[in-house]
Amino acid sequence: MSNFVAWHKKYIKWWKKKLNVSDYGILWISFIKGLIIGLLIYHFFIN
């Protein structure tokens, strides 16, 4: 499990550097992504 956590932290740092955003920016990107995916699931499978 610790290997996965280390990999995930490395992956997040890579995206932060690539997109040139802060930790707060990554949080907002993740929130918007989750919102969009949730709306798509609702639209295609529930509605």
PDB file of N, CA and C in Angstrom:
ATOM      1  N   MET A   1       0.826  -1.200   0.000  1.00  0.00           N
ATOM      2  CA  MET A   1       0.000   0.000   0.000  1.00  0.00           C
ATOM      3  C   MET A   1       0.867   1.260   0.000  1.00  0.00           C
ATOM      4  N   SER A   2       1.985   1.220   0.715  1.00  0.00           N
ATOM      5  CA  SER A   2       2.839   2.408   0.755  1.00  0.00           C
ATOM      6  C   SER A   2       3.449   2.700  -0.614  1.00  0.00           C
ATOM      7  N   ASN A   3       3.644   1.662  -1.434  1.00  0.00           N
ATOM      8  CA  ASN A   3       4.137   1.895  -2.794  1.00  0.00           C
ATOM      9  C   ASN A   3       3.116   2.674  -3.608  1.00  0.00           C
ATOM     10  N   PHE A   4       1.851   2.362  -3.424  1.00  0.00           N
ATOM     11  CA  PHE A   4       0.800   3.080  -4.143  1.00  0.00           C
ATOM     12  C   PHE A   4       0.747   4.538  -3.707  1.00  0.00           C
ATOM     13  N   VAL A   5       0.854   4.784  -2.412  1.00  0.00           N
ATOM     14  CA  VAL A   5       0.820   6.154  -1.894  1.00  0.00           C
ATOM     15  C   VAL A   5       2.004   6.949  -2.437  1.00  0.00           C
ATOM     16  N   ALA A   6       3.185   6.350  -2.437  1.00  0.00           N
ATOM     17  CA  ALA A   6       4.374   7.025  -2.967  1.00  0.00           C
ATOM     18  C   ALA A   6       4.208   7.317  -4.456  1.00  0.00           C
ATOM     19  N   TRP A   7       3.675   6.349  -5.207  1.00  0.00           N
ATOM     20  CA  TRP A   7       3.446   6.562  -6.635  1.00  0.00           C
ATOM     21  C   TRP A   7       2.447   7.695  -6.858  1.00  0.00           C
ATOM     22  N   HIS A   8       1.380   7.712  -6.063  1.00  0.00           N
ATOM     23  CA  HIS A   8       0.342   8.724  -6.224  1.00  0.00           C
ATOM     24  C   HIS A   8       0.885  10.118  -5.924  1.00  0.00           C
ATOM     25  N   LYS A   9       1.677  10.252  -4.872  1.00  0.00           N
ATOM     26  CA  LYS A   9       2.277  11.554  -4.538  1.00  0.00           C
ATOM     27  C   LYS A   9       3.199  12.030  -5.657  1.00  0.00           C
ATOM     28  N   LYS A  10       3.972  11.108  -6.215  1.00  0.00           N
ATOM     29  CA  LYS A  10       4.866  11.450  -7.323  1.00  0.00           C
ATOM     30  C   LYS A  10       4.061  11.903  -8.537  1.00  0.00           C
ATOM     31  N   TYR A  11       2.973  11.195  -8.813  1.00  0.00           N
ATOM     32  CA  TYR A  11       2.103  11.520  -9.944  1.00  0.00           C
ATOM     33  C   TYR A  11       1.460  12.897  -9.766  1.00  0.00           C
ATOM     34  N   ILE A  12       1.002  13.216  -8.560  1.00  0.00           N
ATOM     35  CA  ILE A  12       0.398  14.520  -8.281  1.00  0.00           C
ATOM     36  C   ILE A  12       1.427  15.632  -8.452  1.00  0.00           C
ATOM     37  N   LYS A  13       2.644  15.424  -7.953  1.00  0.00           N
ATOM     38  CA  LYS A  13       3.706  16.430  -8.118  1.00  0.00           C
ATOM     39  C   LYS A  13       4.002  16.665  -9.590  1.00  0.00           C
ATOM     40  N   TRP A  14       3.997  15.588 -10.386  1.00  0.00           N
ATOM     41  CA  TRP A  14       4.246  15.721 -11.816  1.00  0.00           C
ATOM     42  C   TRP A  14       3.172  16.585 -12.473  1.00  0.00           C
ATOM     43  N   TRP A  15       1.897  16.334 -12.142  1.00  0.00           N
ATOM     44  CA  TRP A  15       0.801  17.120 -12.720  1.00  0.00           C
ATOM     45  C   TRP A  15       0.861  18.572 -12.258  1.00  0.00           C
ATOM     46  N   LYS A  16       1.201  18.788 -10.975  1.00  0.00           N
ATOM     47  CA  LYS A  16       1.326  20.159 -10.476  1.00  0.00           C
ATOM     48  C   LYS A  16       2.378  20.928 -11.264  1.00  0.00           C
ATOM     49  N   LYS A  17       3.499  20.281 -11.512  1.00  0.00           N
ATOM     50  CA  LYS A  17       4.570  20.936 -12.257  1.00  0.00           C
ATOM     51  C   LYS A  17       4.158  21.160 -13.709  1.00  0.00           C
ATOM     52  N   LYS A  18       3.535  20.168 -14.327  1.00  0.00           N
ATOM     53  CA  LYS A  18       3.132  20.268 -15.732  1.00  0.00           C
ATOM     54  C   LYS A  18       2.098  21.378 -15.942  1.00  0.00           C
ATOM     55  N   LEU A  19       1.109  21.460 -15.035  1.00  0.00           N
ATOM     56  CA  LEU A  19       0.045  22.454 -15.178  1.00  0.00           C
ATOM     57  C   LEU A  19       0.379  23.788 -14.518  1.00  0.00           C
ATOM     58  N   ASN A  20       1.483  23.814 -13.753  1.00  0.00           N
ATOM     59  CA  ASN A  20       1.925  25.017 -13.051  1.00  0.00           C
ATOM     60  C   ASN A  20       0.827  25.560 -12.132  1.00  0.00           C
ATOM     61  N   VAL A  21       0.304  24.695 -11.268  1.00  0.00           N
ATOM     62  CA  VAL A  21      -0.728  25.088 -10.313  1.00  0.00           C
ATOM     63  C   VAL A  21      -0.301  24.694  -8.900  1.00  0.00           C
ATOM     64  N   SER A  22      -0.966  25.279  -7.925  1.00  0.00           N
ATOM     65  CA  SER A  22      -0.678  25.000  -6.518  1.00  0.00           C
ATOM     66  C   SER A  22      -1.490  23.799  -6.038  1.00  0.00           C
ATOM     67  N   ASP A  23      -1.295  23.455  -4.758  1.00  0.00           N
ATOM     68  CA  ASP A  23      -2.103  22.388  -4.156  1.00  0.00           C
ATOM     69  C   ASP A  23      -3.583  22.752  -4.221  1.00  0.00           C
ATOM     70  N   TYR A  24      -3.883  24.020  -3.957  1.00  0.00           N
ATOM     71  CA  TYR A  24      -5.265  24.485  -3.987  1.00  0.00           C
ATOM     72  C   TYR A  24      -5.853  24.354  -5.398  1.00  0.00           C
ATOM     73  N   GLY A  25      -5.054  24.655  -6.401  1.00  0.00           N
ATOM     74  CA  GLY A  25      -5.500  24.508  -7.783  1.00  0.00           C
ATOM     75  C   GLY A  25      -5.800  23.065  -8.139  1.00  0.00           C
ATOM     76  N   ILE A  26      -4.962  22.150  -7.656  1.00  0.00           N
ATOM     77  CA  ILE A  26      -5.196  20.718  -7.885  1.00  0.00           C
ATOM     78  C   ILE A  26      -6.506  20.289  -7.237  1.00  0.00           C
ATOM     79  N   LEU A  27      -6.784  20.813  -6.046  1.00  0.00           N
ATOM     80  CA  LEU A  27      -8.048  20.476  -5.376  1.00  0.00           C
ATOM     81  C   LEU A  27      -9.245  20.932  -6.201  1.00  0.00           C
ATOM     82  N   TRP A  28      -9.187  22.142  -6.749  1.00  0.00           N
ATOM     83  CA  TRP A  28     -10.288  22.642  -7.566  1.00  0.00           C
ATOM     84  C   TRP A  28     -10.446  21.834  -8.848  1.00  0.00           C
ATOM     85  N   ILE A  29      -9.332  21.482  -9.469  1.00  0.00           N
ATOM     86  CA  ILE A  29      -9.396  20.673 -10.688  1.00  0.00           C
ATOM     87  C   ILE A  29     -10.050  19.330 -10.387  1.00  0.00           C
ATOM     88  N   SER A  30      -9.670  18.717  -9.270  1.00  0.00           N
ATOM     89  CA  SER A  30     -10.253  17.429  -8.884  1.00  0.00           C
ATOM     90  C   SER A  30     -11.743  17.557  -8.599  1.00  0.00           C
ATOM     91  N   PHE A  31     -12.136  18.647  -7.944  1.00  0.00           N
ATOM     92  CA  PHE A  31     -13.545  18.868  -7.634  1.00  0.00           C
ATOM     93  C   PHE A  31     -14.364  19.012  -8.914  1.00  0.00           C
ATOM     94  N   ILE A  32     -13.895  19.840  -9.835  1.00  0.00           N
ATOM     95  CA  ILE A  32     -14.611  20.066 -11.098  1.00  0.00           C
ATOM     96  C   ILE A  32     -14.683  18.763 -11.903  1.00  0.00           C
ATOM     97  N   LYS A  33     -13.583  18.016 -11.936  1.00  0.00           N
ATOM     98  CA  LYS A  33     -13.569  16.736 -12.652  1.00  0.00           C
ATOM     99  C   LYS A  33     -14.598  15.775 -12.061  1.00  0.00           C
ATOM    100  N   GLY A  34     -14.652  15.689 -10.745  1.00  0.00           N
ATOM    101  CA  GLY A  34     -15.623  14.815 -10.092  1.00  0.00           C
ATOM    102  C   GLY A  34     -17.049  15.246 -10.358  1.00  0.00           C
ATOM    103  N   LEU A  35     -17.272  16.552 -10.363  1.00  0.00           N
ATOM    104  CA  LEU A  35     -18.603  17.084 -10.640  1.00  0.00           C
ATOM    105  C   LEU A  35     -19.043  16.728 -12.064  1.00  0.00           C
ATOM    106  N   ILE A  36     -18.150  16.899 -13.014  1.00  0.00           N
ATOM    107  CA  ILE A  36     -18.472  16.579 -14.410  1.00  0.00           C
ATOM    108  C   ILE A  36     -18.751  15.085 -14.580  1.00  0.00           C
ATOM    109  N   ILE A  37     -17.909  14.250 -13.995  1.00  0.00           N
ATOM    110  CA  ILE A  37     -18.119  12.800 -14.100  1.00  0.00           C
ATOM    111  C   ILE A  37     -19.433  12.399 -13.437  1.00  0.00           C
ATOM    112  N   GLY A  38     -19.730  12.986 -12.283  1.00  0.00           N
ATOM    113  CA  GLY A  38     -20.988  12.692 -11.601  1.00  0.00           C
ATOM    114  C   GLY A  38     -22.195  13.102 -12.426  1.00  0.00           C
ATOM    115  N   LEU A  39     -22.124  14.259 -13.060  1.00  0.00           N
ATOM    116  CA  LEU A  39     -23.228  14.715 -13.900  1.00  0.00           C
ATOM    117  C   LEU A  39     -23.405  13.819 -15.130  1.00  0.00           C
ATOM    118  N   LEU A  40     -22.296  13.375 -15.706  1.00  0.00           N
ATOM    119  CA  LEU A  40     -22.390  12.462 -16.854  1.00  0.00           C
ATOM    120  C   LEU A  40     -23.006  11.127 -16.454  1.00  0.00           C
ATOM    121  N   ILE A  41     -22.598  10.595 -15.319  1.00  0.00           N
ATOM    122  CA  ILE A  41     -23.190   9.341 -14.834  1.00  0.00           C
ATOM    123  C   ILE A  41     -24.677   9.526 -14.590  1.00  0.00           C
ATOM    124  N   TYR A  42     -25.053  10.626 -13.964  1.00  0.00           N
ATOM    125  CA  TYR A  42     -26.464  10.897 -13.707  1.00  0.00           C
ATOM    126  C   TYR A  42     -27.237  10.990 -15.020  1.00  0.00           C
ATOM    127  N   HIS A  43     -26.679  11.726 -15.972  1.00  0.00           N
ATOM    128  CA  HIS A  43     -27.375  11.960 -17.234  1.00  0.00           C
ATOM    129  C   HIS A  43     -27.582  10.667 -18.023  1.00  0.00           C
ATOM    130  N   PHE A  44     -26.569   9.827 -18.106  1.00  0.00           N
ATOM    131  CA  PHE A  44     -26.648   8.642 -18.957  1.00  0.00           C
ATOM    132  C   PHE A  44     -27.224   7.412 -18.270  1.00  0.00           C
ATOM    133  N   PHE A  45     -27.091   7.291 -16.959  1.00  0.00           N
ATOM    134  CA  PHE A  45     -27.507   6.057 -16.300  1.00  0.00           C
ATOM    135  C   PHE A  45     -28.714   6.207 -15.380  1.00  0.00           C
ATOM    136  N   ILE A  46     -28.936   7.373 -14.848  1.00  0.00           N
ATOM    137  CA  ILE A  46     -30.027   7.537 -13.885  1.00  0.00           C
ATOM    138  C   ILE A  46     -31.218   8.241 -14.514  1.00  0.00           C
ATOM    139  N   ASN A  47     -30.965   9.219 -15.310  1.00  0.00           N
ATOM    140  CA  ASN A  47     -32.035  10.013 -15.901  1.00  0.00           C
ATOM    141  C   ASN A  47     -32.641   9.322 -17.092  1.00  0.00           C
TER     142      ASN A  47
END
